[in-house]
Structures are given as C-alpha cells and as structure tokens.
Amino acid sequence: MMTRRSLLAVAGGAPLLRAQTRPLQFGFSLYGMKTLPWREGLGHVARIGYKATELSLRPGWNTEAKLLTKSDRAEIRKRISDLGLALPSVMENLGLARPGGSVQANLERLKAAAEVCYECSPKPPALIETTVGGRPNTWEDIKSGMADELAQWAKTLEQLKVVLAIKCHSKTGMSRPEYALWLTDQVKSPWVKVVYDYSHFLANSLDMKTTMAQMIPRAVFVHIKDTQGRAPNHRFLLPGDGDIDYKQYVAALTAAGYRGPVVVEVSVDVFDQPGYDPVKAAQHVWDKVSPAFA
C-alpha cells in the first residue's frame, strides 16, 4: 500500500517523468555488481564519478524487493542522496503473457517494485524498467496476449503512480522498435513508456538514428552496452569495447530530444565470465565512455 507521503508526492496524478530540459545523467546499474553488497556497490559507483544508478530487483540480487527491509530502504535512500547520486530506475524481469505465468503474480511484483521506487529514491520515484519476454521470432503469435496483459498492468500502474518502461531485447519476442511501439499504442497509458537500448537493435543491423527517431519520443530511460556479431549469433560487451562511437551516440541522442538518464548495463554475457570484476568493469567503462558526456 502506498504511504501518505508517497501519495502526496504524486498529487495531481501526472506521471513523474524526468524534465526534458535536464542534461543527460550518466549512470551505472547495480545489475552489473551482483556479487557486491549494495552498500559497496553504491560507494564505488559514486567514487568513480557516475551520477546515477539502478537497483536490480531480480531474484539473485541482494536488492530484490523481498530482501529489503524498511531500514534497508531508508538507508539506501539516504546513502544515494549523501553520495550525490540519483535513482532513476529499478530493474525487473516480468514476462507478458508467459505460458504458465500468473497475471496476479506479475501485478504483485509491480506493486512491490513500486514501493522500492518510492522508498529508495531521494527525489522523484524511480521508474520500473523491464523486458517482457517471449521466444524469438514469435511476435505475431504472442503480441495480442501481451497487449491484453499489459492493459491490466497499466491500470495498476495508474493506481501506483509509477511509470513502467518496457524494453526490446534481441533474444526475445519483442525485439524491434515497432513491436514496443505497437504494444504501447494498444494501452495508450501515460504510465507505460519505453526503454531505448541500441545494443539490441544493432544485433539486428538496425540503424541507430532511425531507431532513435522511432523510440525517443516515448523513451524515459536509456541503457547502453556494446554488441559483437549479429543475431542470433551475437553477444554483448561492455560499453566502449565494441564499435559504437559514444560521442556520436550522445550527440544523436541529444539531437533526438532525449534528456534523461543513460545507464550502463553490464550483460550476463560479460559478468558471467570467469574473472569478472564489477569495480574494474565500472572503472573501465567510465574511462572509455564518460568523455562523451562531458
């Protein structure tokens, strides 16, 4: 249940989206720091120089919603504020119309995520970002079921006063910009937006500026990482370790009208490799990519 304080924070009923006149916030997601306690992770993110972070609510991370006590949430909020960071998003992994899945279970997870969005963010509530699943090359078969369930999510999000941003993924059914746009068109909710992550479109050899023109008008969050190879034989890399020119990327993103957070997502393709060091990875990306945001 939302607290009185939370409800007052959203008086007026409009989505709390980031103002489009603010500069890009360069951040690093704690999704890529799974092996570190969140206190250490936040400290390293701030020390390196990032200005934003993201909590992973996925099972297996120490910031999963059910693991965070009220005291933990208050401490995360204070620590983020004291470190000069922002918390623009939390990461979930919710499947739309998943075979054998439960709509009610997904709605309960949305409610739990929304509480974290309010209780852990120092300023506006974070948004929830998620992929939505589905097997590759099944879009036409699954899209209607996805739209039906997303409409139910949208009603709950309106009550919670939290924005959900859905993300295309090159290894799932919703892999292309037009698919995400079609889904948001079906629900027509101000509480359902999109994530822009070019790495998944590059895997399908799609043009960066074209995909930005398609998605940025509805995007409230950006993930970055690099891509090696093309779908289905591709893998993801740390930003700066592939062919994306991030000075050009940032310029194109700004020209397209985006003024929100840009957060590094370390793929499982990277952090599951032997010898992966999350702190070294965060520093490596900062050294290679942060000049593009200067």
Protein backbone atom coordinates (compact mmCIF):
# COMPACT_ATOMS: atom_id res chain seq x y z
CA MET A 1 0.00 0.00 0.00
CA MET A 2 1.30 3.46 -0.86
CA THR A 3 2.10 5.64 2.15
CA ARG A 4 0.50 9.06 2.72
CA ARG A 5 3.87 10.62 1.99
CA SER A 6 4.08 8.71 -1.30
CA LEU A 7 0.61 9.79 -2.35
CA LEU A 8 1.33 13.42 -1.55
CA ALA A 9 4.41 13.18 -3.73
CA VAL A 10 2.24 12.41 -6.73
CA ALA A 11 -0.63 14.82 -6.04
CA GLY A 12 -2.20 15.82 -9.30
CA GLY A 13 -1.98 12.32 -10.79
CA ALA A 14 0.50 13.04 -13.62
CA PRO A 15 3.44 10.70 -14.30
CA LEU A 16 6.63 11.88 -12.61
CA LEU A 17 8.86 11.77 -15.68
CA ARG A 18 12.21 13.49 -15.81
CA ALA A 19 12.11 17.04 -17.17
CA GLN A 20 13.29 17.11 -20.73
CA THR A 21 15.41 20.21 -20.15
CA ARG A 22 17.83 18.45 -17.78
CA PRO A 23 21.20 17.21 -19.05
CA LEU A 24 21.89 13.54 -19.58
CA GLN A 25 22.63 11.67 -16.35
CA PHE A 26 25.38 9.10 -16.84
CA GLY A 27 24.93 6.14 -14.52
CA PHE A 28 25.93 2.56 -13.76
CA SER A 29 23.42 -0.16 -12.90
CA LEU A 30 23.96 -2.35 -9.85
CA TYR A 31 22.72 -5.17 -12.07
CA GLY A 32 26.39 -5.40 -13.04
CA MET A 33 27.53 -5.60 -9.39
CA LYS A 34 25.64 -8.73 -8.34
CA THR A 35 28.49 -10.07 -6.20
CA LEU A 36 28.88 -6.90 -4.13
CA PRO A 37 26.78 -5.80 -1.15
CA TRP A 38 24.69 -2.84 -2.26
CA ARG A 39 26.43 -0.51 0.19
CA GLU A 40 29.76 -1.21 -1.51
CA GLY A 41 28.27 -1.03 -4.98
CA LEU A 42 26.75 2.41 -4.41
CA GLY A 43 30.02 3.67 -2.96
CA HIS A 44 32.05 2.54 -5.96
CA VAL A 45 29.55 3.97 -8.46
CA ALA A 46 29.77 7.39 -6.83
CA ARG A 47 33.54 7.30 -6.26
CA ILE A 48 34.21 6.54 -9.92
CA GLY A 49 32.15 9.55 -10.98
CA TYR A 50 28.76 8.28 -12.12
CA LYS A 51 25.76 10.43 -11.25
CA ALA A 52 23.00 7.81 -11.31
CA THR A 53 22.44 4.16 -10.52
CA GLU A 54 19.82 1.46 -10.83
CA LEU A 55 18.76 -1.23 -8.37
CA SER A 56 18.15 -4.76 -9.63
CA LEU A 57 15.02 -6.30 -8.11
CA ARG A 58 15.60 -9.57 -9.92
CA PRO A 59 15.95 -12.82 -7.92
CA GLY A 60 19.57 -13.48 -7.03
CA TRP A 61 20.49 -9.85 -6.34
CA ASN A 62 20.73 -8.52 -2.79
CA THR A 63 18.37 -5.67 -3.69
CA GLU A 64 15.46 -7.98 -4.57
CA ALA A 65 12.37 -6.28 -3.15
CA LYS A 66 11.51 -9.03 -0.64
CA LEU A 67 15.02 -8.86 0.83
CA LEU A 68 14.99 -5.12 1.52
CA THR A 69 13.71 -4.22 4.97
CA LYS A 70 12.23 -0.82 5.78
CA SER A 71 15.54 0.03 7.41
CA ASP A 72 17.46 -1.05 4.30
CA ARG A 73 15.28 1.10 2.09
CA ALA A 74 15.72 4.15 4.29
CA GLU A 75 19.48 3.60 4.31
CA ILE A 76 19.62 3.18 0.52
CA ARG A 77 17.66 6.40 0.09
CA LYS A 78 19.96 8.32 2.44
CA ARG A 79 23.14 6.82 1.02
CA ILE A 80 22.14 7.60 -2.56
CA SER A 81 21.38 11.18 -1.54
CA ASP A 82 24.56 11.60 0.51
CA LEU A 83 26.66 10.26 -2.39
CA GLY A 84 25.13 12.77 -4.80
CA LEU A 85 23.54 10.05 -6.91
CA ALA A 86 20.09 9.75 -8.46
CA LEU A 87 17.98 6.61 -8.67
CA PRO A 88 16.08 6.96 -11.94
CA SER A 89 15.12 3.30 -12.25
CA VAL A 90 14.78 -0.16 -10.79
CA MET A 91 15.18 -3.27 -12.95
CA GLU A 92 12.61 -6.03 -13.05
CA ASN A 93 12.18 -9.07 -15.28
CA LEU A 94 8.47 -9.51 -15.93
CA GLY A 95 7.10 -11.65 -18.71
CA LEU A 96 3.93 -10.61 -20.54
CA ALA A 97 1.54 -13.48 -21.31
CA ARG A 98 4.19 -16.00 -20.33
CA PRO A 99 3.00 -19.62 -20.74
CA GLY A 100 2.17 -20.92 -17.29
CA GLY A 101 2.68 -17.45 -15.83
CA SER A 102 0.33 -15.63 -13.48
CA VAL A 103 -1.03 -12.15 -14.19
CA GLN A 104 -1.72 -11.67 -10.49
CA ALA A 105 1.86 -12.62 -9.60
CA ASN A 106 3.14 -10.01 -12.05
CA LEU A 107 0.83 -7.38 -10.58
CA GLU A 108 2.11 -8.20 -7.09
CA ARG A 109 5.68 -7.79 -8.32
CA LEU A 110 4.79 -4.44 -9.85
CA LYS A 111 3.35 -3.33 -6.52
CA ALA A 112 6.47 -4.48 -4.66
CA ALA A 113 8.68 -2.70 -7.19
CA ALA A 114 6.64 0.48 -6.85
CA GLU A 115 7.25 0.54 -3.11
CA VAL A 116 11.00 0.37 -3.77
CA CYS A 117 10.65 3.15 -6.35
CA TYR A 118 9.19 5.46 -3.71
CA GLU A 119 11.10 4.35 -0.64
CA CYS A 120 14.61 4.18 -2.11
CA SER A 121 14.67 7.23 -4.39
CA PRO A 122 15.71 10.52 -2.77
CA LYS A 123 13.69 12.71 -5.15
CA PRO A 124 11.08 11.65 -7.73
CA PRO A 125 10.11 7.98 -7.53
CA ALA A 126 12.19 5.74 -9.76
CA LEU A 127 10.57 4.12 -12.77
CA ILE A 128 10.38 0.37 -13.31
CA GLU A 129 12.15 -0.94 -16.41
CA THR A 130 11.73 -4.47 -17.70
CA THR A 131 11.98 -6.74 -20.70
CA VAL A 132 8.73 -8.59 -21.42
CA GLY A 133 9.90 -11.96 -22.70
CA GLY A 134 8.61 -14.22 -25.43
CA ARG A 135 10.61 -16.56 -27.64
CA PRO A 136 12.43 -15.04 -30.65
CA ASN A 137 10.51 -14.91 -33.93
CA THR A 138 7.12 -15.46 -32.28
CA TRP A 139 5.91 -11.86 -32.23
CA GLU A 140 2.80 -12.32 -34.37
CA ASP A 141 1.69 -15.23 -32.20
CA ILE A 142 2.20 -13.54 -28.83
CA LYS A 143 1.51 -9.84 -29.37
CA SER A 144 -2.25 -9.89 -28.69
CA GLY A 145 -1.83 -11.77 -25.42
CA MET A 146 0.95 -9.37 -24.41
CA ALA A 147 -1.26 -6.36 -25.13
CA ASP A 148 -4.12 -7.80 -23.09
CA GLU A 149 -1.94 -8.34 -20.03
CA LEU A 150 -0.16 -5.00 -20.42
CA ALA A 151 -3.54 -3.27 -20.26
CA GLN A 152 -4.05 -4.86 -16.83
CA TRP A 153 -0.60 -3.70 -15.76
CA ALA A 154 -1.41 -0.17 -16.91
CA LYS A 155 -4.46 0.02 -14.62
CA THR A 156 -2.35 -1.00 -11.66
CA LEU A 157 0.44 1.43 -12.59
CA GLU A 158 -2.08 4.27 -12.68
CA GLN A 159 -3.12 3.43 -9.13
CA LEU A 160 0.50 3.13 -8.01
CA LYS A 161 1.53 6.35 -9.78
CA VAL A 162 4.71 4.71 -11.08
CA VAL A 163 5.92 4.61 -14.69
CA LEU A 164 6.82 1.32 -16.35
CA ALA A 165 9.29 1.36 -19.25
CA ILE A 166 9.31 -1.76 -21.44
CA LYS A 167 12.49 -2.78 -23.21
CA CYS A 168 13.14 -4.51 -26.52
CA HIS A 169 15.56 -7.41 -26.34
CA SER A 170 17.18 -9.06 -29.35
CA LYS A 171 16.87 -12.52 -27.78
CA THR A 172 13.12 -12.29 -27.05
CA GLY A 173 9.85 -11.93 -28.91
CA MET A 174 9.71 -8.13 -28.55
CA SER A 175 12.94 -7.43 -30.38
CA ARG A 176 12.25 -4.45 -32.64
CA PRO A 177 11.18 -0.80 -32.10
CA GLU A 178 7.90 -1.19 -33.96
CA TYR A 179 6.91 -4.04 -31.64
CA ALA A 180 7.33 -1.93 -28.50
CA LEU A 181 5.53 0.99 -30.12
CA TRP A 182 2.66 -1.27 -31.15
CA LEU A 183 2.29 -2.51 -27.57
CA THR A 184 2.24 0.99 -26.08
CA ASP A 185 -0.28 2.04 -28.74
CA GLN A 186 -2.64 -0.69 -27.55
CA VAL A 187 -2.76 0.53 -23.95
CA LYS A 188 -2.40 4.28 -24.57
CA SER A 189 -1.38 4.85 -20.97
CA PRO A 190 0.84 7.71 -19.74
CA TRP A 191 2.22 5.20 -17.24
CA VAL A 192 3.63 2.86 -19.90
CA LYS A 193 6.69 4.12 -21.79
CA VAL A 194 9.75 2.53 -23.43
CA VAL A 195 13.46 1.96 -22.80
CA TYR A 196 15.92 2.70 -25.59
CA ASP A 197 18.86 0.28 -25.78
CA TYR A 198 20.59 0.38 -29.16
CA SER A 199 22.67 -2.75 -28.48
CA HIS A 200 19.60 -4.90 -29.16
CA PHE A 201 18.84 -3.11 -32.41
CA LEU A 202 22.46 -3.22 -33.55
CA ALA A 203 22.24 -7.02 -33.15
CA ASN A 204 19.58 -6.91 -35.86
CA SER A 205 21.62 -4.48 -38.05
CA LEU A 206 19.17 -1.60 -37.49
CA ASP A 207 20.33 2.00 -37.96
CA MET A 208 20.96 3.97 -34.76
CA LYS A 209 19.43 7.30 -35.80
CA THR A 210 16.41 5.60 -37.32
CA THR A 211 15.70 3.63 -34.15
CA MET A 212 16.19 6.76 -32.05
CA ALA A 213 13.69 8.65 -34.21
CA GLN A 214 11.21 5.84 -33.65
CA MET A 215 11.63 5.37 -29.92
CA ILE A 216 12.98 8.50 -28.25
CA PRO A 217 9.62 10.35 -28.32
CA ARG A 218 8.33 7.66 -25.92
CA ALA A 219 11.58 6.78 -24.14
CA VAL A 220 12.10 7.69 -20.49
CA PHE A 221 15.22 5.62 -19.93
CA VAL A 222 18.32 4.53 -21.86
CA HIS A 223 20.62 1.55 -21.29
CA ILE A 224 23.97 1.31 -23.05
CA LYS A 225 26.23 -1.62 -23.84
CA ASP A 226 28.03 -2.85 -26.96
CA THR A 227 27.26 -5.75 -29.31
CA GLN A 228 29.55 -8.21 -31.06
CA GLY A 229 28.16 -10.17 -34.00
CA ARG A 230 24.62 -10.24 -35.34
CA ALA A 231 21.51 -12.09 -34.21
CA PRO A 232 21.14 -14.86 -33.43
CA ASN A 233 24.91 -15.33 -33.14
CA HIS A 234 25.72 -12.27 -31.07
CA ARG A 235 26.90 -11.42 -27.60
CA PHE A 236 27.02 -8.24 -25.59
CA LEU A 237 30.12 -6.35 -24.46
CA LEU A 238 30.92 -3.55 -22.05
CA PRO A 239 30.21 -0.11 -23.50
CA GLY A 240 33.36 1.11 -25.21
CA ASP A 241 34.57 -2.38 -26.12
CA GLY A 242 32.65 -2.53 -29.40
CA ASP A 243 32.07 -0.42 -32.48
CA ILE A 244 29.67 2.19 -31.08
CA ASP A 245 31.13 5.71 -31.12
CA TYR A 246 29.69 7.19 -27.93
CA LYS A 247 30.42 10.81 -28.82
CA GLN A 248 28.28 10.32 -31.91
CA TYR A 249 25.77 8.33 -29.87
CA VAL A 250 25.34 11.06 -27.24
CA ALA A 251 25.10 13.74 -29.92
CA ALA A 252 22.43 11.78 -31.78
CA LEU A 253 20.53 11.04 -28.57
CA THR A 254 20.53 14.73 -27.65
CA ALA A 255 19.53 15.78 -31.17
CA ALA A 256 16.62 13.33 -30.98
CA GLY A 257 15.36 15.22 -27.94
CA TYR A 258 16.32 12.89 -25.09
CA ARG A 259 17.27 14.49 -21.76
CA GLY A 260 17.02 11.63 -19.27
CA PRO A 261 19.29 9.04 -17.64
CA VAL A 262 21.79 6.98 -19.65
CA VAL A 263 22.79 3.97 -17.56
CA VAL A 264 25.42 1.31 -18.20
CA GLU A 265 24.01 -2.21 -18.19
CA VAL A 266 26.60 -4.97 -17.88
CA SER A 267 25.21 -8.00 -19.69
CA VAL A 268 25.19 -11.51 -18.28
CA ASP A 269 27.38 -12.26 -21.32
CA VAL A 270 30.05 -10.24 -19.51
CA PHE A 271 29.50 -10.71 -15.78
CA ASP A 272 29.18 -14.48 -16.05
CA GLN A 273 32.69 -14.74 -17.50
CA PRO A 274 35.44 -16.11 -15.19
CA GLY A 275 37.41 -13.35 -13.53
CA TYR A 276 34.78 -10.63 -13.97
CA ASP A 277 35.41 -7.79 -11.50
CA PRO A 278 32.45 -5.38 -11.18
CA VAL A 279 34.51 -2.47 -9.87
CA LYS A 280 37.12 -2.79 -12.59
CA ALA A 281 34.33 -3.05 -15.16
CA ALA A 282 32.68 0.13 -13.89
CA GLN A 283 36.01 2.00 -13.95
CA HIS A 284 36.83 0.63 -17.42
CA VAL A 285 33.55 1.89 -18.87
CA TRP A 286 33.94 5.25 -17.14
CA ASP A 287 37.41 5.73 -18.60
CA LYS A 288 36.24 4.85 -22.11
CA VAL A 289 32.78 6.37 -22.27
CA SER A 290 32.44 9.24 -19.80
CA PRO A 291 34.26 11.77 -22.06
CA ALA A 292 31.28 11.53 -24.42
CA PHE A 293 29.11 13.04 -21.67
CA ALA A 294 31.45 15.92 -20.85
